[in-house]
Structures are given as structure tokens and as C-alpha cells.
Amino acid sequence: MRVASIALLVVLFGTLLVHGQGLGPYYGAIGPGSYGHASTAAEGAARGMADVVRSAGAANLMNSEAAINLQEAQKKNIENHLQYTQTYFQMKSLNQQYRDAQRKPAPTQQQAIRLSQSRMPDRLSANKIDPLTGALAWPLGLRMDSLKDDRERLDAIYAERADKGFLTTDQYIEVKQLIAGMTNELRKYSQQLGGNASIEARKFLESLEYEAGFQAG
């Protein structure tokens, strides 16, 4: 504003000076040889000062526009950053909600007991072990000659169990060892036996081992 005021005063002063010298306003010459230059030194000075004022005004305008553009760019940058931050935390919250929904509650003590019991093998039924004599009805998949000695030893142990009502600690450990060996031997013949016979034999061994932990009868 200060520059513009000074420039305006200079222009007015130059105009008064021109009129004071008896010169009319400047009009560009028309015709050949005319170059449109100032007719007097005072008018040239006034014109030069006017150009300075116009240049200063244009510079101020461009600086103002640049400042506005910079502020807009900073505003957009802040908005974009805020939007990114909000999106990040929204996605994080949704992800946590999904995981919480998928997480199953811990089972109660009774549920845990029932689950544990459901995974245990069944005890041998009366048609697989005689409750009076302890005689075992070996399935087809366990009647191979390579298991003959193991079968006979287990027959003797369970017959003694039926007589006394229980197994000793040493007999219980021996049962587990014999059944582990028979299970390994069964794996060698699983393909030859086929799926049904192999599964039946494996379940029989699991139940026979589980039976060892109970009293006879």
C-alpha cells in the first residue's frame, strides 16, 4: 500500500508537470516513423514509475496466489494424513472385532471333562473280553503269526486279572509295552489287511490298554 501511494503521487506530480509546461496529454503518433515513445522527460519518468507500480502489483498478486496455493496444499496434506490415520485405526478396530468374534470361549470344567472323556477309547464289551475268565476275542487283524507270543502273554495277564480282580503295577506296565509293540507290527500290515480290518485291530488294542486301568467285571 505504501509503495502504491508513493507511485500514485509521482504519477500525479508528473501529470501536473506536463500540463504546467503547456503540453497536452500524450497520444501516440499515427503514421510512418511513429514509435510511441514519451514526448518529454517528465512524461517518460511518469511512465517508468507507472510500470514499476504495475510490476510491484503483479508481484504482490503472484505472491498472494502462491501463498494461497501453499496453504491449500498444506490443508490437503493434513486432511489426507488425518483420513489415513482414521482409516488405519478403523481397520485395526474391525480386525480386532473379527478376531474377538472368531475366538471361542474357554470351555467350562464340566465341558473339558466331557471332551476328555469323549476322546478316550471305549472299554471292551463282553463279546470281546469274557468278564468271568478274561478270555480275549482277538480280531482278524491281530491273529497273524508274528503276534502269537504277544497274544498269549496278554491272554495270561487278563486271565489272572479276572481271577484276582485287578492288575499289578508291573502287569499294567507290561500290558502297555506289549500293546505298543503290537501296534507297531500292525502298521506293517495295514495295507495288506485293508482299511476296515486295520481300524478294527487298532481300536481293539486301544480299548485293551484302556481296560487295564479298571477292575475286572
C-alpha atoms as a PDB file:
ATOM      1  CA  MET A   1       0.000   0.000   0.000  1.00  0.00           C
ATOM      2  CA  ARG A   2       2.820   2.378   0.827  1.00  0.00           C
ATOM      3  CA  VAL A   3       4.565   1.753  -2.496  1.00  0.00           C
ATOM      4  CA  ALA A   4       1.323   2.178  -4.415  1.00  0.00           C
ATOM      5  CA  SER A   5       0.590   5.502  -2.674  1.00  0.00           C
ATOM      6  CA  ILE A   6       4.041   6.891  -3.421  1.00  0.00           C
ATOM      7  CA  ALA A   7       3.749   5.768  -7.047  1.00  0.00           C
ATOM      8  CA  LEU A   8       0.340   7.425  -7.371  1.00  0.00           C
ATOM      9  CA  LEU A   9       1.752  10.711  -6.045  1.00  0.00           C
ATOM     10  CA  VAL A  10       4.617  10.525  -8.520  1.00  0.00           C
ATOM     11  CA  VAL A  11       2.216   9.955 -11.421  1.00  0.00           C
ATOM     12  CA  LEU A  12       0.065  12.890 -10.378  1.00  0.00           C
ATOM     13  CA  PHE A  13       3.143  15.057  -9.984  1.00  0.00           C
ATOM     14  CA  GLY A  14       4.344  14.144 -13.454  1.00  0.00           C
ATOM     15  CA  THR A  15       0.945  14.912 -14.931  1.00  0.00           C
ATOM     16  CA  LEU A  16       0.849  18.321 -13.322  1.00  0.00           C
ATOM     17  CA  LEU A  17       4.351  18.983 -14.555  1.00  0.00           C
ATOM     18  CA  VAL A  18       3.361  18.135 -18.103  1.00  0.00           C
ATOM     19  CA  HIS A  19       0.363  20.443 -18.015  1.00  0.00           C
ATOM     20  CA  GLY A  20       2.452  23.139 -16.333  1.00  0.00           C
ATOM     21  CA  GLN A  21       4.821  23.130 -19.288  1.00  0.00           C
ATOM     22  CA  GLY A  22       1.951  23.671 -21.633  1.00  0.00           C
ATOM     23  CA  LEU A  23       1.993  20.176 -23.087  1.00  0.00           C
ATOM     24  CA  GLY A  24      -1.144  18.251 -23.808  1.00  0.00           C
ATOM     25  CA  PRO A  25      -1.655  14.677 -22.813  1.00  0.00           C
ATOM     26  CA  TYR A  26       0.426  12.153 -24.657  1.00  0.00           C
ATOM     27  CA  TYR A  27      -1.079  10.438 -27.585  1.00  0.00           C
ATOM     28  CA  GLY A  28       0.886   8.032 -29.717  1.00  0.00           C
ATOM     29  CA  ALA A  29       1.744   9.409 -33.129  1.00  0.00           C
ATOM     30  CA  ILE A  30      -0.049   7.908 -36.054  1.00  0.00           C
ATOM     31  CA  GLY A  31       1.683   7.283 -39.292  1.00  0.00           C
ATOM     32  CA  PRO A  32       5.078   6.265 -40.607  1.00  0.00           C
ATOM     33  CA  GLY A  33       8.020   6.890 -38.310  1.00  0.00           C
ATOM     34  CA  SER A  34       5.956   6.840 -35.117  1.00  0.00           C
ATOM     35  CA  TYR A  35       7.412   4.746 -32.245  1.00  0.00           C
ATOM     36  CA  GLY A  36       5.004   5.610 -29.391  1.00  0.00           C
ATOM     37  CA  HIS A  37       7.785   6.962 -27.076  1.00  0.00           C
ATOM     38  CA  ALA A  38       7.323   9.655 -24.423  1.00  0.00           C
ATOM     39  CA  SER A  39       7.395  13.204 -25.744  1.00  0.00           C
ATOM     40  CA  THR A  40       9.101  14.687 -22.651  1.00  0.00           C
ATOM     41  CA  ALA A  41      11.489  13.543 -19.897  1.00  0.00           C
ATOM     42  CA  ALA A  42       8.827  14.135 -17.225  1.00  0.00           C
ATOM     43  CA  GLU A  43       6.314  12.018 -19.076  1.00  0.00           C
ATOM     44  CA  GLY A  44       8.906   9.255 -19.528  1.00  0.00           C
ATOM     45  CA  ALA A  45       9.654   9.340 -15.815  1.00  0.00           C
ATOM     46  CA  ALA A  46       5.962   9.118 -15.001  1.00  0.00           C
ATOM     47  CA  ARG A  47       5.515   6.214 -17.365  1.00  0.00           C
ATOM     48  CA  GLY A  48       8.517   4.409 -15.892  1.00  0.00           C
ATOM     49  CA  MET A  49       7.186   4.863 -12.381  1.00  0.00           C
ATOM     50  CA  ALA A  50       3.789   3.554 -13.515  1.00  0.00           C
ATOM     51  CA  ASP A  51       5.486   0.453 -14.935  1.00  0.00           C
ATOM     52  CA  VAL A  52       7.264  -0.057 -11.607  1.00  0.00           C
ATOM     53  CA  VAL A  53       3.961   0.209  -9.785  1.00  0.00           C
ATOM     54  CA  ARG A  54       2.309  -2.270 -12.141  1.00  0.00           C
ATOM     55  CA  SER A  55       5.241  -4.704 -11.720  1.00  0.00           C
ATOM     56  CA  ALA A  56       5.077  -4.395  -7.942  1.00  0.00           C
ATOM     57  CA  GLY A  57       1.314  -5.010  -8.013  1.00  0.00           C
ATOM     58  CA  ALA A  58       1.726  -8.064 -10.258  1.00  0.00           C
ATOM     59  CA  ALA A  59       4.445  -9.413  -7.986  1.00  0.00           C
ATOM     60  CA  ASN A  60       2.236  -8.921  -4.931  1.00  0.00           C
ATOM     61  CA  LEU A  61      -0.636 -10.670  -6.705  1.00  0.00           C
ATOM     62  CA  MET A  62       1.532 -13.652  -7.684  1.00  0.00           C
ATOM     63  CA  ASN A  63       2.994 -13.889  -4.164  1.00  0.00           C
ATOM     64  CA  SER A  64      -0.520 -13.813  -2.720  1.00  0.00           C
ATOM     65  CA  GLU A  65      -1.689 -16.561  -5.070  1.00  0.00           C
ATOM     66  CA  ALA A  66       1.390 -18.643  -4.260  1.00  0.00           C
ATOM     67  CA  ALA A  67       0.720 -18.248  -0.526  1.00  0.00           C
ATOM     68  CA  ILE A  68      -2.919 -19.314  -1.025  1.00  0.00           C
ATOM     69  CA  ASN A  69      -1.845 -22.328  -3.078  1.00  0.00           C
ATOM     70  CA  LEU A  70       0.682 -23.284  -0.399  1.00  0.00           C
ATOM     71  CA  GLN A  71      -1.972 -23.076   2.312  1.00  0.00           C
ATOM     72  CA  GLU A  72      -4.341 -25.210   0.229  1.00  0.00           C
ATOM     73  CA  ALA A  73      -1.612 -27.794  -0.321  1.00  0.00           C
ATOM     74  CA  GLN A  74      -0.846 -27.902   3.403  1.00  0.00           C
ATOM     75  CA  LYS A  75      -4.548 -28.227   4.192  1.00  0.00           C
ATOM     76  CA  LYS A  76      -4.929 -31.117   1.735  1.00  0.00           C
ATOM     77  CA  ASN A  77      -1.860 -32.819   3.194  1.00  0.00           C
ATOM     78  CA  ILE A  78      -3.279 -32.551   6.715  1.00  0.00           C
ATOM     79  CA  GLU A  79      -6.674 -33.848   5.563  1.00  0.00           C
ATOM     80  CA  ASN A  80      -5.070 -36.783   3.733  1.00  0.00           C
ATOM     81  CA  HIS A  81      -2.955 -37.658   6.764  1.00  0.00           C
ATOM     82  CA  LEU A  82      -5.994 -37.458   9.036  1.00  0.00           C
ATOM     83  CA  GLN A  83      -8.016 -39.639   6.686  1.00  0.00           C
ATOM     84  CA  TYR A  84      -5.184 -42.212   6.529  1.00  0.00           C
ATOM     85  CA  THR A  85      -4.929 -42.263  10.330  1.00  0.00           C
ATOM     86  CA  GLN A  86      -8.676 -42.694  10.755  1.00  0.00           C
ATOM     87  CA  THR A  87      -8.767 -45.461   8.148  1.00  0.00           C
ATOM     88  CA  TYR A  88      -5.857 -47.266   9.820  1.00  0.00           C
ATOM     89  CA  PHE A  89      -7.481 -47.301  13.239  1.00  0.00           C
ATOM     90  CA  GLN A  90     -10.878 -48.210  11.793  1.00  0.00           C
ATOM     91  CA  MET A  91      -9.374 -51.206  10.004  1.00  0.00           C
ATOM     92  CA  LYS A  92      -7.479 -52.183  13.154  1.00  0.00           C
ATOM     93  CA  SER A  93     -10.675 -51.997  15.187  1.00  0.00           C
ATOM     94  CA  LEU A  94     -12.624 -54.056  12.653  1.00  0.00           C
ATOM     95  CA  ASN A  95      -9.861 -56.655  12.575  1.00  0.00           C
ATOM     96  CA  GLN A  96      -9.877 -56.909  16.369  1.00  0.00           C
ATOM     97  CA  GLN A  97     -13.664 -57.227  16.407  1.00  0.00           C
ATOM     98  CA  TYR A  98     -13.482 -60.034  13.848  1.00  0.00           C
ATOM     99  CA  ARG A  99     -10.855 -61.913  15.853  1.00  0.00           C
ATOM    100  CA  ASP A 100     -12.868 -61.458  19.039  1.00  0.00           C
ATOM    101  CA  ALA A 101     -15.950 -62.836  17.296  1.00  0.00           C
ATOM    102  CA  GLN A 102     -13.989 -65.839  15.997  1.00  0.00           C
ATOM    103  CA  ARG A 103     -12.406 -66.598  19.369  1.00  0.00           C
ATOM    104  CA  LYS A 104     -14.323 -69.347  21.127  1.00  0.00           C
ATOM    105  CA  PRO A 105     -14.920 -69.003  24.863  1.00  0.00           C
ATOM    106  CA  ALA A 106     -12.877 -71.256  27.109  1.00  0.00           C
ATOM    107  CA  PRO A 107     -14.755 -74.452  27.993  1.00  0.00           C
ATOM    108  CA  THR A 108     -16.072 -74.900  31.491  1.00  0.00           C
ATOM    109  CA  GLN A 109     -14.649 -77.595  33.744  1.00  0.00           C
ATOM    110  CA  GLN A 110     -17.563 -79.911  33.011  1.00  0.00           C
ATOM    111  CA  GLN A 111     -17.204 -79.350  29.266  1.00  0.00           C
ATOM    112  CA  ALA A 112     -13.474 -80.072  29.489  1.00  0.00           C
ATOM    113  CA  ILE A 113     -14.159 -83.313  31.361  1.00  0.00           C
ATOM    114  CA  ARG A 114     -16.757 -84.429  28.823  1.00  0.00           C
ATOM    115  CA  LEU A 115     -14.413 -83.558  25.955  1.00  0.00           C
ATOM    116  CA  SER A 116     -11.587 -85.520  27.555  1.00  0.00           C
ATOM    117  CA  GLN A 117     -13.843 -88.499  28.116  1.00  0.00           C
ATOM    118  CA  SER A 118     -15.136 -88.397  24.546  1.00  0.00           C
ATOM    119  CA  ARG A 119     -11.572 -88.777  23.277  1.00  0.00           C
ATOM    120  CA  MET A 120     -10.886 -91.888  25.369  1.00  0.00           C
ATOM    121  CA  PRO A 121     -11.402 -95.331  23.870  1.00  0.00           C
ATOM    122  CA  ASP A 122     -14.362 -97.450  24.863  1.00  0.00           C
ATOM    123  CA  ARG A 123     -13.935-100.278  27.334  1.00  0.00           C
ATOM    124  CA  LEU A 124     -14.041-103.771  25.862  1.00  0.00           C
ATOM    125  CA  SER A 125     -17.543-105.182  25.644  1.00  0.00           C
ATOM    126  CA  ALA A 126     -18.474-108.657  26.956  1.00  0.00           C
ATOM    127  CA  ASN A 127     -18.190-110.179  23.476  1.00  0.00           C
ATOM    128  CA  LYS A 128     -14.555-109.043  23.259  1.00  0.00           C
ATOM    129  CA  ILE A 129     -13.423-109.958  26.797  1.00  0.00           C
ATOM    130  CA  ASP A 130     -15.121-112.571  28.932  1.00  0.00           C
ATOM    131  CA  PRO A 131     -15.951-110.925  32.300  1.00  0.00           C
ATOM    132  CA  LEU A 132     -15.546-114.271  34.148  1.00  0.00           C
ATOM    133  CA  THR A 133     -12.459-115.803  32.528  1.00  0.00           C
ATOM    134  CA  GLY A 134     -10.814-112.784  30.925  1.00  0.00           C
ATOM    135  CA  ALA A 135     -10.542-114.583  27.582  1.00  0.00           C
ATOM    136  CA  LEU A 136      -9.930-112.160  24.711  1.00  0.00           C
ATOM    137  CA  ALA A 137     -11.663-112.361  21.309  1.00  0.00           C
ATOM    138  CA  TRP A 138      -8.839-111.207  19.053  1.00  0.00           C
ATOM    139  CA  PRO A 139      -9.939-109.516  15.820  1.00  0.00           C
ATOM    140  CA  LEU A 140      -8.748-110.795  12.441  1.00  0.00           C
ATOM    141  CA  GLY A 141      -6.118-108.088  12.028  1.00  0.00           C
ATOM    142  CA  LEU A 142      -4.265-109.259  15.181  1.00  0.00           C
ATOM    143  CA  ARG A 143      -4.231-113.031  14.509  1.00  0.00           C
ATOM    144  CA  MET A 144      -1.028-113.069  12.434  1.00  0.00           C
ATOM    145  CA  ASP A 145       1.765-115.446  13.494  1.00  0.00           C
ATOM    146  CA  SER A 146       4.194-112.606  14.251  1.00  0.00           C
ATOM    147  CA  LEU A 147       1.911-111.527  17.120  1.00  0.00           C
ATOM    148  CA  LYS A 148       1.321-115.032  18.589  1.00  0.00           C
ATOM    149  CA  ASP A 149       3.662-114.637  21.593  1.00  0.00           C
ATOM    150  CA  ASP A 150       2.227-111.220  22.453  1.00  0.00           C
ATOM    151  CA  ARG A 151      -1.328-112.517  22.249  1.00  0.00           C
ATOM    152  CA  GLU A 152      -0.578-115.463  24.536  1.00  0.00           C
ATOM    153  CA  ARG A 153       1.116-113.266  27.116  1.00  0.00           C
ATOM    154  CA  LEU A 154      -1.817-110.827  27.169  1.00  0.00           C
ATOM    155  CA  ASP A 155      -4.265-113.737  27.434  1.00  0.00           C
ATOM    156  CA  ALA A 156      -2.440-114.912  30.565  1.00  0.00           C
ATOM    157  CA  ILE A 157      -2.341-111.441  32.129  1.00  0.00           C
ATOM    158  CA  TYR A 158      -6.064-110.786  31.610  1.00  0.00           C
ATOM    159  CA  ALA A 159      -6.973-114.270  32.830  1.00  0.00           C
ATOM    160  CA  GLU A 160      -5.099-113.523  36.055  1.00  0.00           C
ATOM    161  CA  ARG A 161      -6.862-110.147  36.240  1.00  0.00           C
ATOM    162  CA  ALA A 162     -10.241-111.897  36.010  1.00  0.00           C
ATOM    163  CA  ASP A 163      -9.192-114.194  38.850  1.00  0.00           C
ATOM    164  CA  LYS A 164      -7.773-111.526  41.195  1.00  0.00           C
ATOM    165  CA  GLY A 165      -9.954-108.642  40.018  1.00  0.00           C
ATOM    166  CA  PHE A 166      -7.110-106.265  39.108  1.00  0.00           C
ATOM    167  CA  LEU A 167      -3.651-105.972  37.570  1.00  0.00           C
ATOM    168  CA  THR A 168      -0.481-105.311  39.489  1.00  0.00           C
ATOM    169  CA  THR A 169       1.639-102.297  38.605  1.00  0.00           C
ATOM    170  CA  ASP A 170       4.192-104.496  36.831  1.00  0.00           C
ATOM    171  CA  GLN A 171       1.435-106.211  34.836  1.00  0.00           C
ATOM    172  CA  TYR A 172      -0.063-102.846  33.875  1.00  0.00           C
ATOM    173  CA  ILE A 173       3.304-101.615  32.583  1.00  0.00           C
ATOM    174  CA  GLU A 174       3.854-104.893  30.705  1.00  0.00           C
ATOM    175  CA  VAL A 175       0.424-104.588  29.058  1.00  0.00           C
ATOM    176  CA  LYS A 176       1.283-101.127  27.768  1.00  0.00           C
ATOM    177  CA  GLN A 177       4.634-102.362  26.408  1.00  0.00           C
ATOM    178  CA  LEU A 178       3.097-105.371  24.680  1.00  0.00           C
ATOM    179  CA  ILE A 179       0.333-103.309  23.090  1.00  0.00           C
ATOM    180  CA  ALA A 180       2.848-100.692  21.856  1.00  0.00           C
ATOM    181  CA  GLY A 181       4.833-103.456  20.126  1.00  0.00           C
ATOM    182  CA  MET A 182       1.695-104.967  18.584  1.00  0.00           C
ATOM    183  CA  THR A 183       0.604-101.536  17.311  1.00  0.00           C
ATOM    184  CA  ASN A 184       3.934-101.062  15.537  1.00  0.00           C
ATOM    185  CA  GLU A 185       3.658-104.538  13.997  1.00  0.00           C
ATOM    186  CA  LEU A 186       0.111-103.787  12.867  1.00  0.00           C
ATOM    187  CA  ARG A 187       1.298-100.767  10.878  1.00  0.00           C
ATOM    188  CA  LYS A 188       3.458-103.068   8.723  1.00  0.00           C
ATOM    189  CA  TYR A 189       0.375-104.992   7.577  1.00  0.00           C
ATOM    190  CA  SER A 190      -2.147-102.160   7.379  1.00  0.00           C
ATOM    191  CA  GLN A 191      -2.176-102.071   3.569  1.00  0.00           C
ATOM    192  CA  GLN A 192      -2.478-105.857   3.271  1.00  0.00           C
ATOM    193  CA  LEU A 193      -5.262-106.007   5.853  1.00  0.00           C
ATOM    194  CA  GLY A 194      -7.279-103.192   4.326  1.00  0.00           C
ATOM    195  CA  GLY A 195      -8.929-100.242   5.979  1.00  0.00           C
ATOM    196  CA  ASN A 196     -11.698-101.915   7.990  1.00  0.00           C
ATOM    197  CA  ALA A 197      -9.601-104.747   9.455  1.00  0.00           C
ATOM    198  CA  SER A 198      -6.751-102.400  10.299  1.00  0.00           C
ATOM    199  CA  ILE A 199      -9.044 -99.893  12.023  1.00  0.00           C
ATOM    200  CA  GLU A 200     -10.820-102.646  13.965  1.00  0.00           C
ATOM    201  CA  ALA A 201      -7.496-104.078  15.168  1.00  0.00           C
ATOM    202  CA  ARG A 202      -6.169-100.664  16.203  1.00  0.00           C
ATOM    203  CA  LYS A 203      -9.303 -99.804  18.174  1.00  0.00           C
ATOM    204  CA  PHE A 204      -9.185-103.224  19.901  1.00  0.00           C
ATOM    205  CA  LEU A 205      -5.633-102.554  21.104  1.00  0.00           C
ATOM    206  CA  GLU A 206      -6.595 -99.067  22.318  1.00  0.00           C
ATOM    207  CA  SER A 207      -9.545-100.450  24.288  1.00  0.00           C
ATOM    208  CA  LEU A 208      -7.457-103.345  25.637  1.00  0.00           C
ATOM    209  CA  GLU A 209      -4.886-100.895  27.017  1.00  0.00           C
ATOM    210  CA  TYR A 210      -7.641 -98.696  28.442  1.00  0.00           C
ATOM    211  CA  GLU A 211      -9.267-101.754  30.059  1.00  0.00           C
ATOM    212  CA  ALA A 212      -6.081-102.457  32.014  1.00  0.00           C
ATOM    213  CA  GLY A 213      -6.777 -99.458  34.218  1.00  0.00           C
ATOM    214  CA  PHE A 214     -10.085-100.880  35.526  1.00  0.00           C
ATOM    215  CA  GLN A 215     -11.007-103.760  37.783  1.00  0.00           C
ATOM    216  CA  ALA A 216     -12.296-106.947  36.176  1.00  0.00           C
ATOM    217  CA  GLY A 217     -16.027-107.468  35.761  1.00  0.00           C
END
